[in-house]
């Protein structure tokens, strides 16, 4: 998985960074009943910090929820929150809305993220696997094209020109399994 993180206008032209974060690098947590494994990849969740470093305040979590188990994840009340289903099926939110692989849930204000795995999972996907992503809203205009998210069309054009000129850094040639965390310009 790769994550490109948007930056506030004042930091858009910061030098790009690439981080190869392996599964074993994450802060590993579990729910009290052992029904969910939580990997904090970036930011902080309930006082546990992930190894990912970002300019913008964000949190990124990969959670695996066992069939029939529930995850109630403490969340920064001033952060946005999205939950994307990587595998399995279950419910999301206090309303327990059904969701499954490939779907995204957008959370409103609140201080918890709630997901639960269905008691029965698809045979090829024995657990509910979700990414929980969020951060402090930037609240600036957005112009985007391809992988670039800027504030104006002219800045997007400049980013493409910088990319074509090789000014955006390089990604190491050897990759293993892990999570790539990028700072997007």
Foldseek 3Di string as FASTA:
>chain_A
DEDEDEDAQVCQPPAKDKDFAAQVQFDWDAPPVRQKIKTWQAADWPRGGHPDDDPFHKTKMKMWGAAFGKDKTFADQQKWKKKAWCAWWWAWDPVRHTDGHGDMDTDDGDGITMIHGHNDTPPVGRTTIMMMMIGHDSPAAWDDDDQATHRDPVVNVVVVVCVVVVNRDDDDPDHDDGYMYMHHD
